[in-house]
Protein backbone atom coordinates (compact mmCIF):
# COMPACT_ATOMS: atom_id res chain seq x y z
CA UNK A 1 0.00 0.00 0.00
CA UNK A 2 1.36 3.40 -0.95
CA UNK A 3 0.27 6.41 1.03
CA UNK A 4 0.88 9.84 -0.37
CA UNK A 5 1.05 12.73 2.03
CA UNK A 6 0.52 16.24 0.80
CA UNK A 7 2.49 18.71 2.82
CA UNK A 8 1.34 22.25 3.07
CA UNK A 9 3.77 25.05 3.57
CA UNK A 10 2.82 27.70 6.07
CA UNK A 11 3.59 31.06 4.54
CA UNK A 12 3.79 33.78 7.13
CA UNK A 13 3.50 37.46 6.43
CA UNK A 14 6.52 39.67 6.94
CA UNK A 15 6.88 40.77 10.56
CA UNK A 16 5.41 44.10 11.57
CA UNK A 17 7.84 46.21 13.59
CA UNK A 18 5.64 49.24 14.18
CA UNK A 19 2.58 47.54 15.69
CA UNK A 20 3.04 49.17 19.11
CA UNK A 21 1.90 52.76 19.55
CA UNK A 22 4.67 53.90 21.89
CA UNK A 23 3.12 57.37 22.06
CA UNK A 24 0.04 55.93 23.81
CA UNK A 25 1.17 53.77 26.75
CA UNK A 26 -2.36 53.87 28.20
CA UNK A 27 -3.34 51.46 25.39
CA UNK A 28 -1.36 48.70 27.14
CA UNK A 29 -3.09 48.60 30.52
CA UNK A 30 -6.04 46.34 29.73
CA UNK A 31 -6.31 42.77 30.97
CA UNK A 32 -8.02 40.70 28.28
CA UNK A 33 -9.79 37.50 29.35
CA UNK A 34 -7.11 35.43 27.60
CA UNK A 35 -4.54 36.67 30.14
CA UNK A 36 -6.65 35.67 33.16
CA UNK A 37 -9.27 36.83 35.63
CA UNK A 38 -8.87 40.60 35.69
CA UNK A 39 -10.52 40.97 39.12
CA UNK A 40 -8.08 38.51 40.72
CA UNK A 41 -5.11 40.05 38.90
CA UNK A 42 -6.08 43.57 40.00
CA UNK A 43 -6.57 42.43 43.61
CA UNK A 44 -3.09 40.90 43.78
CA UNK A 45 -1.53 43.82 41.89
CA UNK A 46 -3.08 46.30 44.33
CA UNK A 47 -1.17 44.62 47.18
CA UNK A 48 2.11 45.04 45.26
CA UNK A 49 1.67 48.61 44.02
CA UNK A 50 4.10 51.15 45.46
CA UNK A 51 4.35 54.91 45.07
CA UNK A 52 7.31 54.59 42.68
CA UNK A 53 7.04 52.53 39.49
CA UNK A 54 10.45 50.87 39.95
CA UNK A 55 9.44 49.74 43.44
CA UNK A 56 6.21 48.29 42.04
CA UNK A 57 8.28 46.31 39.53
CA UNK A 58 10.56 45.09 42.34
CA UNK A 59 7.53 44.13 44.47
CA UNK A 60 6.00 42.13 41.61
CA UNK A 61 9.27 40.31 40.91
CA UNK A 62 9.82 39.58 44.62
CA UNK A 63 6.27 38.24 44.99
CA UNK A 64 6.68 36.02 41.94
CA UNK A 65 10.04 34.73 43.20
CA UNK A 66 8.49 33.81 46.57
CA UNK A 67 5.27 32.29 45.23
CA UNK A 68 6.15 30.54 41.97
CA UNK A 69 8.50 27.61 41.49
CA UNK A 70 10.05 26.49 38.21
CA UNK A 71 8.69 23.28 36.69
CA UNK A 72 10.32 22.93 33.26
CA UNK A 73 8.09 20.09 32.07
CA UNK A 74 5.34 22.73 31.76
CA UNK A 75 7.36 24.76 29.24
CA UNK A 76 6.00 25.21 25.72
CA UNK A 77 2.32 24.97 26.74
CA UNK A 78 0.06 28.02 26.69
CA UNK A 79 -0.80 28.88 30.29
CA UNK A 80 -2.43 32.09 31.41
CA UNK A 81 -2.11 33.96 34.73
CA UNK A 82 -4.87 31.93 36.39
CA UNK A 83 -3.30 28.58 35.53
CA UNK A 84 0.22 29.57 36.59
CA UNK A 85 -1.04 30.96 39.92
CA UNK A 86 -3.32 27.97 40.57
CA UNK A 87 -0.44 25.55 39.90
CA UNK A 88 2.05 27.69 41.84
CA UNK A 89 4.70 27.16 39.20
CA UNK A 90 5.91 28.40 35.85
CA UNK A 91 7.35 26.35 33.02
CA UNK A 92 9.43 28.91 31.18
CA UNK A 93 10.08 32.57 30.51
CA UNK A 94 6.70 32.80 28.76
CA UNK A 95 4.73 31.89 31.90
CA UNK A 96 6.90 34.21 33.98
CA UNK A 97 6.43 37.12 31.58
CA UNK A 98 2.66 36.55 31.36
CA UNK A 99 2.27 36.71 35.15
CA UNK A 100 4.64 39.68 35.48
CA UNK A 101 2.98 41.65 32.68
CA UNK A 102 -0.50 40.93 34.02
CA UNK A 103 0.44 42.08 37.53
CA UNK A 104 2.18 45.20 36.21
CA UNK A 105 -0.84 46.10 34.10
CA UNK A 106 -3.07 45.47 37.11
CA UNK A 107 -0.86 47.87 39.09
CA UNK A 108 -1.21 50.57 36.44
CA UNK A 109 2.07 50.03 34.57
CA UNK A 110 1.72 49.62 30.81
CA UNK A 111 3.27 46.39 29.55
CA UNK A 112 3.84 44.80 26.14
CA UNK A 113 4.96 41.20 25.75
CA UNK A 114 7.87 40.64 23.37
CA UNK A 115 8.73 37.22 21.94
CA UNK A 116 12.03 36.66 20.19
CA UNK A 117 12.56 33.64 18.01
CA UNK A 118 15.70 31.98 16.72
CA UNK A 119 15.85 32.44 12.95
CA UNK A 120 16.40 28.72 12.27
CA UNK A 121 13.12 27.99 14.08
CA UNK A 122 11.34 30.66 12.01
CA UNK A 123 12.66 29.23 8.75
CA UNK A 124 11.63 25.68 9.77
CA UNK A 125 8.16 26.93 10.68
CA UNK A 126 7.75 28.90 7.44
CA UNK A 127 8.91 25.90 5.38
CA UNK A 128 6.60 23.48 7.19
CA UNK A 129 9.53 21.48 8.55
CA UNK A 130 9.28 19.83 11.96
CA UNK A 131 10.85 21.60 14.92
CA UNK A 132 11.73 20.23 18.33
CA UNK A 133 10.97 23.23 20.51
CA UNK A 134 10.19 26.91 20.53
CA UNK A 135 13.56 28.55 20.64
CA UNK A 136 13.60 32.12 21.82
CA UNK A 137 12.81 34.28 24.82
CA UNK A 138 9.88 36.29 26.20
CA UNK A 139 10.40 39.59 27.97
CA UNK A 140 8.48 42.84 28.48
CA UNK A 141 8.55 46.43 27.36
CA UNK A 142 7.10 48.47 30.20
CA UNK A 143 6.32 52.16 30.62
CA UNK A 144 7.75 53.56 33.86
CA UNK A 145 9.08 56.95 34.86
CA UNK A 146 7.63 58.43 31.64
CA UNK A 147 9.67 56.17 29.33
CA UNK A 148 9.57 52.74 27.75
CA UNK A 149 12.15 50.37 29.24
CA UNK A 150 12.99 46.72 28.75
CA UNK A 151 12.33 44.21 31.54
CA UNK A 152 13.54 40.62 31.56
CA UNK A 153 11.49 39.36 34.51
CA UNK A 154 13.16 35.95 34.78
CA UNK A 155 16.61 37.52 34.98
CA UNK A 156 15.27 40.40 37.12
CA UNK A 157 16.95 42.85 34.75
CA UNK A 158 15.55 46.30 34.03
CA UNK A 159 17.19 48.14 31.13
CA UNK A 160 16.52 51.84 31.70
CA UNK A 161 18.57 53.04 28.70
CA UNK A 162 16.38 51.13 26.26
CA UNK A 163 15.00 53.10 23.34
CA UNK A 164 12.25 52.01 21.00
CA UNK A 165 13.62 54.50 18.46
CA UNK A 166 17.29 53.46 18.37
CA UNK A 167 17.03 49.88 17.18
CA UNK A 168 16.45 48.24 13.88
CA UNK A 169 16.49 44.58 12.97
CA UNK A 170 19.06 43.05 10.62
CA UNK A 171 18.15 39.64 9.23
CA UNK A 172 20.61 37.08 7.93
CA UNK A 173 20.08 33.44 7.11
CA UNK A 174 21.37 32.33 10.51
CA UNK A 175 20.56 35.00 13.07
CA UNK A 176 18.80 38.22 13.93
CA UNK A 177 20.76 41.08 15.42
CA UNK A 178 19.79 44.48 16.67
CA UNK A 179 22.00 47.44 15.85
CA UNK A 180 21.81 51.09 16.69
CA UNK A 181 20.65 53.29 13.82
CA UNK A 182 23.85 55.29 14.38
CA UNK A 183 26.03 52.24 13.71
CA UNK A 184 27.03 51.23 10.22
CA UNK A 185 25.80 47.78 9.17
């Protein structure tokens, strides 16, 4: 018996790099149902809110560190705030960033989730080839002290000198790099 399989190729659109309206941080405060129960998120966030934005960020990260344990077998599954909190553990940077971003939004700090992907994974996905895992990282852009900054919640790193205006993306067949607009390619 001969079985023929027709493979379809997933053709993705070119990435959009200007999808975030950085001039309107208030647009990134909502808590959609897909993130979790907004009433529960807001209640927990209220307990963590401080007078200064940076202290609120520190309070959120400290609370997460004390209340969530790493369980790597949960990585690469979509889990929202409610599920991560109920289970008391996170599987990867994605879970950690979802909880952190939800709590920050609940505390009145605008947050945007950013997912980076390894270019080889992107090419495999676009060509319909099998891939073994999602290879990349999830972090946040947050609006504090009247500016957008970069937050890597898992590493507890806040990059205050981050600029949404000073970066552009250079693509090659093997990697993606970010370079300052003032630097020659």
